[in-house]
Amino acid sequence: MNQNSHSLKTIFSQSLILCSAIIISLLLIILIANVIISPVVLFAANYPKIFTNIVKVLFNLTLISIIAYVLIYKLVTLRKAGIPLTLSIKNTIIVPARYLMIVFIIILTVLALLFFVYFILKTNYYLIYKLMY
């Protein structure tokens, strides 16, 4: 079929294919929404505590699975590269833990500075009050 053809038959056939694909997609979306999403919404509305617990468990399992996958994948790739197991463990666990500790120390330092500034400003108002009266 010539893509540059401007005949009415070519334009209609190309538009018909596009429209039918859009309609099929919309029907599939509606079907998926009615079959899968509606029962989940009804369950969440009828049993909110159980649904919340299920979501918490699934979230925790997903998070643990991702962390375990990353650690195991990194250990396997380091072992395939010929790096000893002790060095692999150090690279996978200790080095990221060190960076987390650094971030934690920075956050604590910022919090200490904020507390110090708050204390100075609070004391400043008290000193100004004492000087005025």
Protein backbone atom coordinates (compact mmCIF):
# COMPACT_ATOMS: atom_id res chain seq x y z
CA MET A 1 0.00 0.00 0.00
CA ASN A 2 1.32 3.42 -0.91
CA GLN A 3 1.65 5.58 2.21
CA ASN A 4 1.59 8.83 0.21
CA SER A 5 -1.67 7.99 -1.54
CA HIS A 6 -4.45 10.46 -0.87
CA SER A 7 -7.30 8.39 -2.17
CA LEU A 8 -10.38 8.11 -0.01
CA LYS A 9 -10.11 4.32 0.12
CA THR A 10 -6.52 4.41 1.49
CA ILE A 11 -7.31 7.03 4.10
CA PHE A 12 -10.42 5.15 5.20
CA SER A 13 -8.63 1.79 5.49
CA GLN A 14 -5.78 3.27 7.53
CA SER A 15 -8.21 5.09 9.81
CA LEU A 16 -10.32 1.95 10.22
CA ILE A 17 -7.29 -0.06 11.42
CA LEU A 18 -6.33 2.66 13.90
CA CYS A 19 -9.88 3.05 15.21
CA SER A 20 -10.34 -0.69 15.62
CA ALA A 21 -7.07 -0.94 17.58
CA ILE A 22 -8.21 1.87 19.88
CA ILE A 23 -11.61 0.27 20.43
CA ILE A 24 -10.04 -3.13 21.20
CA SER A 25 -7.67 -1.46 23.68
CA LEU A 26 -10.55 0.33 25.39
CA LEU A 27 -12.55 -2.88 25.66
CA LEU A 28 -9.57 -4.68 27.19
CA ILE A 29 -9.05 -1.86 29.70
CA ILE A 30 -12.72 -1.97 30.71
CA LEU A 31 -12.59 -5.76 31.04
CA ILE A 32 -9.45 -5.63 33.17
CA ALA A 33 -10.95 -2.89 35.35
CA ASN A 34 -14.13 -4.86 35.93
CA VAL A 35 -12.52 -8.25 36.47
CA ILE A 36 -9.44 -7.36 38.51
CA ILE A 37 -9.77 -3.92 40.06
CA SER A 38 -13.42 -3.96 41.16
CA PRO A 39 -13.10 -6.98 43.51
CA VAL A 40 -9.99 -5.45 45.07
CA VAL A 41 -11.81 -2.17 45.66
CA LEU A 42 -14.81 -3.97 47.14
CA PHE A 43 -12.56 -6.01 49.42
CA ALA A 44 -10.74 -2.85 50.54
CA ALA A 45 -14.04 -1.11 51.25
CA ASN A 46 -15.54 -4.03 53.17
CA TYR A 47 -12.43 -5.09 55.12
CA PRO A 48 -10.12 -2.07 55.46
CA LYS A 49 -7.96 -3.45 58.30
CA ILE A 50 -7.29 -6.75 56.56
CA PHE A 51 -6.59 -4.93 53.29
CA THR A 52 -4.17 -2.58 55.04
CA ASN A 53 -2.34 -5.53 56.59
CA ILE A 54 -2.11 -7.30 53.23
CA VAL A 55 -0.70 -4.16 51.60
CA LYS A 56 1.85 -3.75 54.42
CA VAL A 57 2.97 -7.37 54.13
CA LEU A 58 3.25 -7.16 50.33
CA PHE A 59 5.19 -3.89 50.57
CA ASN A 60 7.62 -5.34 53.11
CA LEU A 61 8.08 -8.53 51.09
CA THR A 62 8.72 -6.52 47.94
CA LEU A 63 11.26 -4.32 49.69
CA ILE A 64 13.06 -7.29 51.25
CA SER A 65 13.03 -9.16 47.93
CA ILE A 66 14.56 -6.21 46.07
CA ILE A 67 17.29 -5.75 48.67
CA ALA A 68 18.05 -9.49 48.73
CA TYR A 69 18.15 -9.63 44.92
CA VAL A 70 20.56 -6.70 44.71
CA LEU A 71 22.84 -8.17 47.37
CA ILE A 72 22.84 -11.68 45.89
CA TYR A 73 23.34 -10.35 42.35
CA LYS A 74 26.28 -8.23 43.45
CA LEU A 75 27.85 -11.13 45.37
CA VAL A 76 27.45 -13.47 42.39
CA THR A 77 28.97 -10.99 39.93
CA LEU A 78 31.89 -10.30 42.26
CA ARG A 79 32.46 -14.06 42.72
CA LYS A 80 32.40 -14.58 38.94
CA ALA A 81 35.02 -11.86 38.62
CA GLY A 82 37.29 -13.88 40.91
CA ILE A 83 37.07 -11.65 43.96
CA PRO A 84 37.28 -13.56 47.29
CA LEU A 85 34.12 -13.98 49.36
CA THR A 86 35.32 -11.83 52.27
CA LEU A 87 36.11 -8.92 49.97
CA SER A 88 32.78 -9.42 48.19
CA ILE A 89 30.91 -9.24 51.49
CA LYS A 90 32.85 -6.13 52.42
CA ASN A 91 32.00 -4.47 49.11
CA THR A 92 28.32 -5.41 49.25
CA ILE A 93 27.47 -4.77 52.88
CA ILE A 94 30.10 -2.75 54.71
CA VAL A 95 30.74 -0.04 52.12
CA PRO A 96 27.04 0.93 51.69
CA ALA A 97 26.62 0.78 55.48
CA ARG A 98 29.51 3.22 55.83
CA TYR A 99 27.82 5.66 53.44
CA LEU A 100 24.53 5.31 55.32
CA MET A 101 26.35 6.11 58.56
CA ILE A 102 27.88 9.21 56.96
CA VAL A 103 24.43 10.36 55.81
CA PHE A 104 23.04 9.68 59.29
CA ILE A 105 25.86 11.71 60.89
CA ILE A 106 25.22 14.59 58.48
CA ILE A 107 21.51 14.55 59.33
CA LEU A 108 22.29 14.54 63.05
CA THR A 109 24.72 17.43 62.59
CA VAL A 110 22.10 19.46 60.74
CA LEU A 111 19.54 18.71 63.44
CA ALA A 112 22.02 19.78 66.15
CA LEU A 113 22.70 23.03 64.30
CA LEU A 114 18.99 23.70 63.93
CA PHE A 115 18.46 23.06 67.63
CA PHE A 116 21.39 25.39 68.43
CA VAL A 117 19.95 28.18 66.25
CA TYR A 118 16.52 27.69 67.82
CA PHE A 119 18.05 27.87 71.29
CA ILE A 120 19.99 31.04 70.44
CA LEU A 121 16.91 32.74 69.00
CA LYS A 122 14.76 31.71 71.96
CA THR A 123 17.40 32.95 74.40
CA ASN A 124 17.80 36.16 72.37
CA TYR A 125 14.12 37.01 72.88
CA TYR A 126 14.52 36.34 76.58
CA LEU A 127 17.62 38.57 76.80
CA ILE A 128 15.90 41.37 74.92
CA TYR A 129 12.93 41.08 77.27
CA LYS A 130 15.27 41.28 80.31
CA LEU A 131 17.08 44.30 78.89
CA MET A 132 13.86 46.16 78.18
CA TYR A 133 12.27 45.52 81.59
